[in-house]
Amino acid sequence: MNGIETFRSKIMEAKGSFLVDFWGPSCAPCLDLNRALEALEDGYRGTLTFVKINADEEIDIATEFGVRGLPTLILIHDGQIMERWIGAKSLTSLKSKLDKALGAIPSA
């Protein structure tokens, strides 16, 4: 199974909420965003799964999802793209955006 097939089966065909972080090793804003995501991860455990995709290595996945700039965050719930954010975000801004987006997802 290649990268895009694995991504589809583990994220796009899965139930639940995923925050996919498309990043690159030479992207300075990506490193800043990574620190914010790490700070938030424990608070969303059980609600949101954080996924990192190196866009330089997984070009097929980045292309399929229309990633045009790094960093790009895509919130996926039950296989549907709910939100897309491009560029670095502060910890406060990111938490606010996630809380708003997750709050809009209907309960099962």
PDB file of N, CA and C in Angstrom:
ATOM      1  N   MET A   1       0.860  -1.177   0.000  1.00  0.00           N
ATOM      2  CA  MET A   1       0.000   0.000   0.000  1.00  0.00           C
ATOM      3  C   MET A   1       0.903   1.236   0.000  1.00  0.00           C
ATOM      4  N   ASN A   2       0.636   2.158  -0.914  1.00  0.00           N
ATOM      5  CA  ASN A   2       1.461   3.371  -0.970  1.00  0.00           C
ATOM      6  C   ASN A   2       0.934   4.416   0.010  1.00  0.00           C
ATOM      7  N   GLY A   3       1.602   5.582   0.067  1.00  0.00           N
ATOM      8  CA  GLY A   3       1.264   6.621   1.024  1.00  0.00           C
ATOM      9  C   GLY A   3      -0.161   7.128   0.902  1.00  0.00           C
ATOM     10  N   ILE A   4      -0.622   7.381  -0.304  1.00  0.00           N
ATOM     11  CA  ILE A   4      -1.970   7.922  -0.486  1.00  0.00           C
ATOM     12  C   ILE A   4      -3.014   6.872  -0.125  1.00  0.00           C
ATOM     13  N   GLU A   5      -2.773   5.609  -0.467  1.00  0.00           N
ATOM     14  CA  GLU A   5      -3.718   4.548  -0.097  1.00  0.00           C
ATOM     15  C   GLU A   5      -3.786   4.379   1.412  1.00  0.00           C
ATOM     16  N   THR A   6      -2.649   4.446   2.067  1.00  0.00           N
ATOM     17  CA  THR A   6      -2.604   4.347   3.529  1.00  0.00           C
ATOM     18  C   THR A   6      -3.345   5.517   4.153  1.00  0.00           C
ATOM     19  N   PHE A   7      -3.119   6.714   3.640  1.00  0.00           N
ATOM     20  CA  PHE A   7      -3.794   7.907   4.153  1.00  0.00           C
ATOM     21  C   PHE A   7      -5.309   7.763   4.005  1.00  0.00           C
ATOM     22  N   ARG A   8      -5.740   7.313   2.848  1.00  0.00           N
ATOM     23  CA  ARG A   8      -7.186   7.146   2.619  1.00  0.00           C
ATOM     24  C   ARG A   8      -7.785   6.143   3.601  1.00  0.00           C
ATOM     25  N   SER A   9      -7.121   5.005   3.774  1.00  0.00           N
ATOM     26  CA  SER A   9      -7.694   3.974   4.633  1.00  0.00           C
ATOM     27  C   SER A   9      -7.646   4.351   6.111  1.00  0.00           C
ATOM     28  N   LYS A  10      -6.611   5.036   6.544  1.00  0.00           N
ATOM     29  CA  LYS A  10      -6.476   5.358   7.973  1.00  0.00           C
ATOM     30  C   LYS A  10      -7.136   6.668   8.372  1.00  0.00           C
ATOM     31  N   ILE A  11      -7.337   7.584   7.436  1.00  0.00           N
ATOM     32  CA  ILE A  11      -7.897   8.895   7.772  1.00  0.00           C
ATOM     33  C   ILE A  11      -9.231   9.125   7.058  1.00  0.00           C
ATOM     34  N   MET A  12      -9.229   9.055   5.752  1.00  0.00           N
ATOM     35  CA  MET A  12     -10.415   9.433   4.982  1.00  0.00           C
ATOM     36  C   MET A  12     -11.554   8.412   5.096  1.00  0.00           C
ATOM     37  N   GLU A  13     -11.239   7.158   5.369  1.00  0.00           N
ATOM     38  CA  GLU A  13     -12.278   6.144   5.495  1.00  0.00           C
ATOM     39  C   GLU A  13     -12.577   5.813   6.952  1.00  0.00           C
ATOM     40  N   ALA A  14     -11.929   6.513   7.873  1.00  0.00           N
ATOM     41  CA  ALA A  14     -12.094   6.232   9.300  1.00  0.00           C
ATOM     42  C   ALA A  14     -13.141   7.146   9.922  1.00  0.00           C
ATOM     43  N   LYS A  15     -13.714   6.689  10.999  1.00  0.00           N
ATOM     44  CA  LYS A  15     -14.634   7.507  11.785  1.00  0.00           C
ATOM     45  C   LYS A  15     -13.812   8.316  12.775  1.00  0.00           C
ATOM     46  N   GLY A  16     -14.247   9.528  13.030  1.00  0.00           N
ATOM     47  CA  GLY A  16     -13.561  10.364  14.008  1.00  0.00           C
ATOM     48  C   GLY A  16     -13.049  11.642  13.388  1.00  0.00           C
ATOM     49  N   SER A  17     -12.385  12.435  14.227  1.00  0.00           N
ATOM     50  CA  SER A  17     -11.856  13.734  13.805  1.00  0.00           C
ATOM     51  C   SER A  17     -10.339  13.682  13.784  1.00  0.00           C
ATOM     52  N   PHE A  18      -9.779  14.237  12.706  1.00  0.00           N
ATOM     53  CA  PHE A  18      -8.342  14.247  12.504  1.00  0.00           C
ATOM     54  C   PHE A  18      -7.895  15.651  12.116  1.00  0.00           C
ATOM     55  N   LEU A  19      -6.815  16.107  12.708  1.00  0.00           N
ATOM     56  CA  LEU A  19      -6.202  17.365  12.293  1.00  0.00           C
ATOM     57  C   LEU A  19      -4.908  16.998  11.577  1.00  0.00           C
ATOM     58  N   VAL A  20      -4.895  17.218  10.264  1.00  0.00           N
ATOM     59  CA  VAL A  20      -3.739  16.846   9.454  1.00  0.00           C
ATOM     60  C   VAL A  20      -2.877  18.086   9.245  1.00  0.00           C
ATOM     61  N   ASP A  21      -1.629  17.974   9.667  1.00  0.00           N
ATOM     62  CA  ASP A  21      -0.648  19.053   9.575  1.00  0.00           C
ATOM     63  C   ASP A  21       0.293  18.744   8.419  1.00  0.00           C
ATOM     64  N   PHE A  22       0.145  19.482   7.316  1.00  0.00           N
ATOM     65  CA  PHE A  22       1.069  19.358   6.194  1.00  0.00           C
ATOM     66  C   PHE A  22       2.213  20.331   6.453  1.00  0.00           C
ATOM     67  N   TRP A  23       3.413  19.819   6.535  1.00  0.00           N
ATOM     68  CA  TRP A  23       4.581  20.607   6.907  1.00  0.00           C
ATOM     69  C   TRP A  23       5.762  20.223   6.027  1.00  0.00           C
ATOM     70  N   GLY A  24       6.840  20.983   6.148  1.00  0.00           N
ATOM     71  CA  GLY A  24       8.089  20.676   5.449  1.00  0.00           C
ATOM     72  C   GLY A  24       9.261  20.978   6.362  1.00  0.00           C
ATOM     73  N   PRO A  25      10.326  20.210   6.268  1.00  0.00           N
ATOM     74  CA  PRO A  25      11.464  20.382   7.167  1.00  0.00           C
ATOM     75  C   PRO A  25      12.182  21.725   7.010  1.00  0.00           C
ATOM     76  N   SER A  26      12.077  22.365   5.855  1.00  0.00           N
ATOM     77  CA  SER A  26      12.750  23.648   5.660  1.00  0.00           C
ATOM     78  C   SER A  26      11.806  24.836   5.879  1.00  0.00           C
ATOM     79  N   CYS A  27      10.621  24.577   6.405  1.00  0.00           N
ATOM     80  CA  CYS A  27       9.597  25.599   6.609  1.00  0.00           C
ATOM     81  C   CYS A  27       9.640  26.092   8.058  1.00  0.00           C
ATOM     82  N   ALA A  28      10.188  27.286   8.272  1.00  0.00           N
ATOM     83  CA  ALA A  28      10.298  27.832   9.631  1.00  0.00           C
ATOM     84  C   ALA A  28       8.937  28.012  10.303  1.00  0.00           C
ATOM     85  N   PRO A  29       7.911  28.543   9.623  1.00  0.00           N
ATOM     86  CA  PRO A  29       6.592  28.651  10.267  1.00  0.00           C
ATOM     87  C   PRO A  29       6.027  27.283  10.672  1.00  0.00           C
ATOM     88  N   CYS A  30       6.399  26.235   9.939  1.00  0.00           N
ATOM     89  CA  CYS A  30       5.937  24.884  10.275  1.00  0.00           C
ATOM     90  C   CYS A  30       6.471  24.459  11.642  1.00  0.00           C
ATOM     91  N   LEU A  31       7.717  24.816  11.918  1.00  0.00           N
ATOM     92  CA  LEU A  31       8.321  24.454  13.199  1.00  0.00           C
ATOM     93  C   LEU A  31       7.643  25.193  14.343  1.00  0.00           C
ATOM     94  N   ASP A  32       7.301  26.465  14.129  1.00  0.00           N
ATOM     95  CA  ASP A  32       6.581  27.232  15.143  1.00  0.00           C
ATOM     96  C   ASP A  32       5.197  26.618  15.381  1.00  0.00           C
ATOM     97  N   LEU A  33       4.503  26.275  14.306  1.00  0.00           N
ATOM     98  CA  LEU A  33       3.179  25.682  14.426  1.00  0.00           C
ATOM     99  C   LEU A  33       3.261  24.333  15.136  1.00  0.00           C
ATOM    100  N   ASN A  34       4.306  23.584  14.873  1.00  0.00           N
ATOM    101  CA  ASN A  34       4.485  22.282  15.505  1.00  0.00           C
ATOM    102  C   ASN A  34       4.517  22.413  17.028  1.00  0.00           C
ATOM    103  N   ARG A  35       5.183  23.445  17.528  1.00  0.00           N
ATOM    104  CA  ARG A  35       5.229  23.651  18.983  1.00  0.00           C
ATOM    105  C   ARG A  35       3.826  23.925  19.532  1.00  0.00           C
ATOM    106  N   ALA A  36       3.031  24.711  18.819  1.00  0.00           N
ATOM    107  CA  ALA A  36       1.657  24.996  19.245  1.00  0.00           C
ATOM    108  C   ALA A  36       0.818  23.716  19.224  1.00  0.00           C
ATOM    109  N   LEU A  37       0.968  22.912  18.184  1.00  0.00           N
ATOM    110  CA  LEU A  37       0.200  21.671  18.088  1.00  0.00           C
ATOM    111  C   LEU A  37       0.575  20.710  19.216  1.00  0.00           C
ATOM    112  N   GLU A  38       1.852  20.601  19.511  1.00  0.00           N
ATOM    113  CA  GLU A  38       2.289  19.738  20.604  1.00  0.00           C
ATOM    114  C   GLU A  38       1.695  20.197  21.929  1.00  0.00           C
ATOM    115  N   ALA A  39       1.602  21.497  22.129  1.00  0.00           N
ATOM    116  CA  ALA A  39       1.034  22.037  23.365  1.00  0.00           C
ATOM    117  C   ALA A  39      -0.457  21.730  23.478  1.00  0.00           C
ATOM    118  N   LEU A  40      -1.143  21.601  22.358  1.00  0.00           N
ATOM    119  CA  LEU A  40      -2.590  21.363  22.351  1.00  0.00           C
ATOM    120  C   LEU A  40      -2.974  19.884  22.373  1.00  0.00           C
ATOM    121  N   GLU A  41      -2.083  19.033  21.937  1.00  0.00           N
ATOM    122  CA  GLU A  41      -2.426  17.635  21.691  1.00  0.00           C
ATOM    123  C   GLU A  41      -3.056  16.934  22.902  1.00  0.00           C
ATOM    124  N   ASP A  42      -2.504  17.065  24.075  1.00  0.00           N
ATOM    125  CA  ASP A  42      -3.051  16.380  25.250  1.00  0.00           C
ATOM    126  C   ASP A  42      -4.471  16.832  25.561  1.00  0.00           C
ATOM    127  N   GLY A  43      -4.761  18.109  25.388  1.00  0.00           N
ATOM    128  CA  GLY A  43      -6.086  18.636  25.687  1.00  0.00           C
ATOM    129  C   GLY A  43      -7.184  18.119  24.781  1.00  0.00           C
ATOM    130  N   TYR A  44      -6.817  17.611  23.601  1.00  0.00           N
ATOM    131  CA  TYR A  44      -7.807  17.098  22.653  1.00  0.00           C
ATOM    132  C   TYR A  44      -7.787  15.576  22.551  1.00  0.00           C
ATOM    133  N   ARG A  45      -7.011  14.935  23.413  1.00  0.00           N
ATOM    134  CA  ARG A  45      -6.906  13.469  23.371  1.00  0.00           C
ATOM    135  C   ARG A  45      -8.295  12.846  23.539  1.00  0.00           C
ATOM    136  N   GLY A  46      -8.615  11.901  22.673  1.00  0.00           N
ATOM    137  CA  GLY A  46      -9.915  11.257  22.699  1.00  0.00           C
ATOM    138  C   GLY A  46     -10.952  11.955  21.833  1.00  0.00           C
ATOM    139  N   THR A  47     -10.678  13.197  21.449  1.00  0.00           N
ATOM    140  CA  THR A  47     -11.594  13.979  20.623  1.00  0.00           C
ATOM    141  C   THR A  47     -11.048  14.174  19.217  1.00  0.00           C
ATOM    142  N   LEU A  48      -9.732  14.338  19.137  1.00  0.00           N
ATOM    143  CA  LEU A  48      -9.078  14.708  17.891  1.00  0.00           C
ATOM    144  C   LEU A  48      -7.746  13.980  17.788  1.00  0.00           C
ATOM    145  N   THR A  49      -7.503  13.390  16.626  1.00  0.00           N
ATOM    146  CA  THR A  49      -6.225  12.729  16.372  1.00  0.00           C
ATOM    147  C   THR A  49      -5.368  13.650  15.519  1.00  0.00           C
ATOM    148  N   PHE A  50      -4.153  13.915  15.972  1.00  0.00           N
ATOM    149  CA  PHE A  50      -3.220  14.775  15.258  1.00  0.00           C
ATOM    150  C   PHE A  50      -2.368  13.917  14.330  1.00  0.00           C
ATOM    151  N   VAL A  51      -2.268  14.334  13.060  1.00  0.00           N
ATOM    152  CA  VAL A  51      -1.523  13.602  12.042  1.00  0.00           C
ATOM    153  C   VAL A  51      -0.561  14.573  11.365  1.00  0.00           C
ATOM    154  N   LYS A  52       0.705  14.169  11.228  1.00  0.00           N
ATOM    155  CA  LYS A  52       1.698  15.007  10.547  1.00  0.00           C
ATOM    156  C   LYS A  52       2.043  14.364   9.209  1.00  0.00           C
ATOM    157  N   ILE A  53       2.017  15.179   8.158  1.00  0.00           N
ATOM    158  CA  ILE A  53       2.393  14.718   6.821  1.00  0.00           C
ATOM    159  C   ILE A  53       3.499  15.630   6.297  1.00  0.00           C
ATOM    160  N   ASN A  54       4.656  15.040   6.042  1.00  0.00           N
ATOM    161  CA  ASN A  54       5.756  15.788   5.446  1.00  0.00           C
ATOM    162  C   ASN A  54       5.428  15.955   3.957  1.00  0.00           C
ATOM    163  N   ALA A  55       5.033  17.155   3.574  1.00  0.00           N
ATOM    164  CA  ALA A  55       4.592  17.416   2.196  1.00  0.00           C
ATOM    165  C   ALA A  55       5.709  17.211   1.182  1.00  0.00           C
ATOM    166  N   ASP A  56       6.958  17.341   1.610  1.00  0.00           N
ATOM    167  CA  ASP A  56       8.079  17.112   0.698  1.00  0.00           C
ATOM    168  C   ASP A  56       8.221  15.629   0.363  1.00  0.00           C
ATOM    169  N   GLU A  57       7.891  14.764   1.314  1.00  0.00           N
ATOM    170  CA  GLU A  57       8.006  13.318   1.108  1.00  0.00           C
ATOM    171  C   GLU A  57       6.727  12.696   0.564  1.00  0.00           C
ATOM    172  N   GLU A  58       5.585  13.263   0.923  1.00  0.00           N
ATOM    173  CA  GLU A  58       4.281  12.723   0.520  1.00  0.00           C
ATOM    174  C   GLU A  58       3.599  13.683  -0.460  1.00  0.00           C
ATOM    175  N   ILE A  59       4.261  13.888  -1.588  1.00  0.00           N
ATOM    176  CA  ILE A  59       3.782  14.837  -2.594  1.00  0.00           C
ATOM    177  C   ILE A  59       2.404  14.452  -3.117  1.00  0.00           C
ATOM    178  N   ASP A  60       2.147  13.155  -3.297  1.00  0.00           N
ATOM    179  CA  ASP A  60       0.848  12.707  -3.817  1.00  0.00           C
ATOM    180  C   ASP A  60      -0.292  13.105  -2.877  1.00  0.00           C
ATOM    181  N   ILE A  61      -0.083  12.951  -1.574  1.00  0.00           N
ATOM    182  CA  ILE A  61      -1.121  13.301  -0.599  1.00  0.00           C
ATOM    183  C   ILE A  61      -1.331  14.814  -0.600  1.00  0.00           C
ATOM    184  N   ALA A  62      -0.234  15.563  -0.550  1.00  0.00           N
ATOM    185  CA  ALA A  62      -0.332  17.028  -0.543  1.00  0.00           C
ATOM    186  C   ALA A  62      -1.034  17.534  -1.804  1.00  0.00           C
ATOM    187  N   THR A  63      -0.719  16.948  -2.943  1.00  0.00           N
ATOM    188  CA  THR A  63      -1.340  17.354  -4.207  1.00  0.00           C
ATOM    189  C   THR A  63      -2.830  17.031  -4.202  1.00  0.00           C
ATOM    190  N   GLU A  64      -3.184  15.841  -3.774  1.00  0.00           N
ATOM    191  CA  GLU A  64      -4.591  15.443  -3.755  1.00  0.00           C
ATOM    192  C   GLU A  64      -5.429  16.371  -2.871  1.00  0.00           C
ATOM    193  N   PHE A  65      -4.828  16.886  -1.804  1.00  0.00           N
ATOM    194  CA  PHE A  65      -5.562  17.750  -0.890  1.00  0.00           C
ATOM    195  C   PHE A  65      -5.357  19.232  -1.178  1.00  0.00           C
ATOM    196  N   GLY A  66      -4.772  19.532  -2.331  1.00  0.00           N
ATOM    197  CA  GLY A  66      -4.661  20.910  -2.778  1.00  0.00           C
ATOM    198  C   GLY A  66      -3.776  21.785  -1.909  1.00  0.00           C
ATOM    199  N   VAL A  67      -2.770  21.186  -1.293  1.00  0.00           N
ATOM    200  CA  VAL A  67      -1.854  21.958  -0.454  1.00  0.00           C
ATOM    201  C   VAL A  67      -0.982  22.812  -1.362  1.00  0.00           C
ATOM    202  N   ARG A  68      -1.082  24.119  -1.187  1.00  0.00           N
ATOM    203  CA  ARG A  68      -0.337  25.058  -2.024  1.00  0.00           C
ATOM    204  C   ARG A  68       0.699  25.840  -1.221  1.00  0.00           C
ATOM    205  N   GLY A  69       0.579  25.811   0.088  1.00  0.00           N
ATOM    206  CA  GLY A  69       1.525  26.508   0.947  1.00  0.00           C
ATOM    207  C   GLY A  69       1.659  25.781   2.261  1.00  0.00           C
ATOM    208  N   LEU A  70       2.792  25.964   2.883  1.00  0.00           N
ATOM    209  CA  LEU A  70       3.049  25.319   4.173  1.00  0.00           C
ATOM    210  C   LEU A  70       3.223  26.380   5.242  1.00  0.00           C
ATOM    211  N   PRO A  71       2.791  26.089   6.429  1.00  0.00           N
ATOM    212  CA  PRO A  71       2.028  24.913   6.831  1.00  0.00           C
ATOM    213  C   PRO A  71       0.565  25.028   6.425  1.00  0.00           C
ATOM    214  N   THR A  72      -0.065  23.878   6.228  1.00  0.00           N
ATOM    215  CA  THR A  72      -1.503  23.792   5.987  1.00  0.00           C
ATOM    216  C   THR A  72      -2.077  22.786   6.965  1.00  0.00           C
ATOM    217  N   LEU A  73      -3.145  23.187   7.645  1.00  0.00           N
ATOM    218  CA  LEU A  73      -3.867  22.294   8.540  1.00  0.00           C
ATOM    219  C   LEU A  73      -5.223  21.986   7.921  1.00  0.00           C
ATOM    220  N   ILE A  74      -5.602  20.709   7.923  1.00  0.00           N
ATOM    221  CA  ILE A  74      -6.905  20.301   7.418  1.00  0.00           C
ATOM    222  C   ILE A  74      -7.594  19.485   8.502  1.00  0.00           C
ATOM    223  N   LEU A  75      -8.777  19.933   8.887  1.00  0.00           N
ATOM    224  CA  LEU A  75      -9.592  19.218   9.867  1.00  0.00           C
ATOM    225  C   LEU A  75     -10.548  18.318   9.108  1.00  0.00           C
ATOM    226  N   ILE A  76     -10.469  17.021   9.383  1.00  0.00           N
ATOM    227  CA  ILE A  76     -11.287  16.019   8.707  1.00  0.00           C
ATOM    228  C   ILE A  76     -12.130  15.310   9.764  1.00  0.00           C
ATOM    229  N   HIS A  77     -13.426  15.194   9.487  1.00  0.00           N
ATOM    230  CA  HIS A  77     -14.311  14.454  10.396  1.00  0.00           C
ATOM    231  C   HIS A  77     -15.103  13.439   9.580  1.00  0.00           C
ATOM    232  N   ASP A  78     -14.993  12.166   9.971  1.00  0.00           N
ATOM    233  CA  ASP A  78     -15.684  11.068   9.272  1.00  0.00           C
ATOM    234  C   ASP A  78     -15.487  11.143   7.763  1.00  0.00           C
ATOM    235  N   GLY A  79     -14.253  11.428   7.349  1.00  0.00           N
ATOM    236  CA  GLY A  79     -13.899  11.433   5.931  1.00  0.00           C
ATOM    237  C   GLY A  79     -14.229  12.702   5.179  1.00  0.00           C
ATOM    238  N   GLN A  80     -14.797  13.689   5.857  1.00  0.00           N
ATOM    239  CA  GLN A  80     -15.158  14.949   5.210  1.00  0.00           C
ATOM    240  C   GLN A  80     -14.241  16.070   5.686  1.00  0.00           C
ATOM    241  N   ILE A  81     -13.764  16.873   4.760  1.00  0.00           N
ATOM    242  CA  ILE A  81     -12.954  18.037   5.138  1.00  0.00           C
ATOM    243  C   ILE A  81     -13.893  19.084   5.723  1.00  0.00           C
ATOM    244  N   MET A  82     -13.608  19.468   6.966  1.00  0.00           N
ATOM    245  CA  MET A  82     -14.453  20.431   7.680  1.00  0.00           C
ATOM    246  C   MET A  82     -13.870  21.844   7.622  1.00  0.00           C
ATOM    247  N   GLU A  83     -12.562  21.938   7.737  1.00  0.00           N
ATOM    248  CA  GLU A  83     -11.880  23.236   7.763  1.00  0.00           C
ATOM    249  C   GLU A  83     -10.492  23.086   7.148  1.00  0.00           C
ATOM    250  N   ARG A  84      -9.972  24.215   6.698  1.00  0.00           N
ATOM    251  CA  ARG A  84      -8.602  24.276   6.159  1.00  0.00           C
ATOM    252  C   ARG A  84      -8.008  25.601   6.608  1.00  0.00           C
ATOM    253  N   TRP A  85      -6.823  25.536   7.203  1.00  0.00           N
ATOM    254  CA  TRP A  85      -6.120  26.751   7.627  1.00  0.00           C
ATOM    255  C   TRP A  85      -4.716  26.731   7.041  1.00  0.00           C
ATOM    256  N   ILE A  86      -4.327  27.844   6.463  1.00  0.00           N
ATOM    257  CA  ILE A  86      -3.007  27.947   5.840  1.00  0.00           C
ATOM    258  C   ILE A  86      -2.191  28.984   6.594  1.00  0.00           C
ATOM    259  N   GLY A  87      -0.944  28.652   6.853  1.00  0.00           N
ATOM    260  CA  GLY A  87      -0.040  29.561   7.548  1.00  0.00           C
ATOM    261  C   GLY A  87       0.036  29.260   9.029  1.00  0.00           C
ATOM    262  N   ALA A  88       1.067  29.801   9.649  1.00  0.00           N
ATOM    263  CA  ALA A  88       1.277  29.583  11.079  1.00  0.00           C
ATOM    264  C   ALA A  88       0.186  30.283  11.880  1.00  0.00           C
ATOM    265  N   LYS A  89      -0.187  29.665  12.977  1.00  0.00           N
ATOM    266  CA  LYS A  89      -1.199  30.205  13.880  1.00  0.00           C
ATOM    267  C   LYS A  89      -0.618  30.203  15.287  1.00  0.00           C
ATOM    268  N   SER A  90      -1.031  31.179  16.074  1.00  0.00           N
ATOM    269  CA  SER A  90      -0.608  31.191  17.476  1.00  0.00           C
ATOM    270  C   SER A  90      -1.365  30.092  18.217  1.00  0.00           C
ATOM    271  N   LEU A  91      -0.873  29.730  19.367  1.00  0.00           N
ATOM    272  CA  LEU A  91      -1.520  28.725  20.198  1.00  0.00           C
ATOM    273  C   LEU A  91      -2.964  29.134  20.508  1.00  0.00           C
ATOM    274  N   THR A  92      -3.171  30.376  20.898  1.00  0.00           N
ATOM    275  CA  THR A  92      -4.503  30.874  21.242  1.00  0.00           C
ATOM    276  C   THR A  92      -5.441  30.849  20.038  1.00  0.00           C
ATOM    277  N   SER A  93      -4.958  31.320  18.911  1.00  0.00           N
ATOM    278  CA  SER A  93      -5.757  31.348  17.690  1.00  0.00           C
ATOM    279  C   SER A  93      -6.125  29.935  17.252  1.00  0.00           C
ATOM    280  N   LEU A  94      -5.169  29.047  17.295  1.00  0.00           N
ATOM    281  CA  LEU A  94      -5.399  27.670  16.865  1.00  0.00           C
ATOM    282  C   LEU A  94      -6.419  26.988  17.773  1.00  0.00           C
ATOM    283  N   LYS A  95      -6.288  27.159  19.070  1.00  0.00           N
ATOM    284  CA  LYS A  95      -7.241  26.558  20.009  1.00  0.00           C
ATOM    285  C   LYS A  95      -8.644  27.102  19.756  1.00  0.00           C
ATOM    286  N   SER A  96      -8.763  28.388  19.536  1.00  0.00           N
ATOM    287  CA  SER A  96     -10.062  29.001  19.267  1.00  0.00           C
ATOM    288  C   SER A  96     -10.679  28.428  17.990  1.00  0.00           C
ATOM    289  N   LYS A  97      -9.891  28.309  16.935  1.00  0.00           N
ATOM    290  CA  LYS A  97     -10.377  27.778  15.664  1.00  0.00           C
ATOM    291  C   LYS A  97     -10.802  26.313  15.811  1.00  0.00           C
ATOM    292  N   LEU A  98     -10.002  25.531  16.520  1.00  0.00           N
ATOM    293  CA  LEU A  98     -10.341  24.119  16.723  1.00  0.00           C
ATOM    294  C   LEU A  98     -11.617  23.966  17.546  1.00  0.00           C
ATOM    295  N   ASP A  99     -11.715  24.717  18.640  1.00  0.00           N
ATOM    296  CA  ASP A  99     -12.899  24.624  19.487  1.00  0.00           C
ATOM    297  C   ASP A  99     -14.164  24.978  18.703  1.00  0.00           C
ATOM    298  N   LYS A 100     -14.090  26.031  17.898  1.00  0.00           N
ATOM    299  CA  LYS A 100     -15.244  26.456  17.089  1.00  0.00           C
ATOM    300  C   LYS A 100     -15.606  25.372  16.073  1.00  0.00           C
ATOM    301  N   ALA A 101     -14.609  24.861  15.371  1.00  0.00           N
ATOM    302  CA  ALA A 101     -14.856  23.855  14.328  1.00  0.00           C
ATOM    303  C   ALA A 101     -15.376  22.554  14.930  1.00  0.00           C
ATOM    304  N   LEU A 102     -14.771  22.102  16.020  1.00  0.00           N
ATOM    305  CA  LEU A 102     -15.208  20.859  16.646  1.00  0.00           C
ATOM    306  C   LEU A 102     -16.595  21.004  17.255  1.00  0.00           C
ATOM    307  N   GLY A 103     -16.907  22.203  17.760  1.00  0.00           N
ATOM    308  CA  GLY A 103     -18.222  22.455  18.321  1.00  0.00           C
ATOM    309  C   GLY A 103     -19.331  22.424  17.284  1.00  0.00           C
ATOM    310  N   ALA A 104     -18.972  22.630  16.017  1.00  0.00           N
ATOM    311  CA  ALA A 104     -19.967  22.635  14.932  1.00  0.00           C
ATOM    312  C   ALA A 104     -20.249  21.235  14.389  1.00  0.00           C
ATOM    313  N   ILE A 105     -19.475  20.254  14.833  1.00  0.00           N
ATOM    314  CA  ILE A 105     -19.689  18.878  14.365  1.00  0.00           C
ATOM    315  C   ILE A 105     -20.841  18.269  15.152  1.00  0.00           C
ATOM    316  N   PRO A 106     -21.874  17.785  14.452  1.00  0.00           N
ATOM    317  CA  PRO A 106     -23.023  17.190  15.150  1.00  0.00           C
ATOM    318  C   PRO A 106     -22.616  15.962  15.958  1.00  0.00           C
ATOM    319  N   SER A 107     -23.211  15.810  17.115  1.00  0.00           N
ATOM    320  CA  SER A 107     -22.944  14.626  17.947  1.00  0.00           C
ATOM    321  C   SER A 107     -23.637  13.420  17.323  1.00  0.00           C
ATOM    322  N   ALA A 108     -23.013  12.277  17.507  1.00  0.00           N
ATOM    323  CA  ALA A 108     -23.576  11.039  16.931  1.00  0.00           C
ATOM    324  C   ALA A 108     -24.750  10.556  17.741  1.00  0.00           C
TER     325      ALA A 108
END
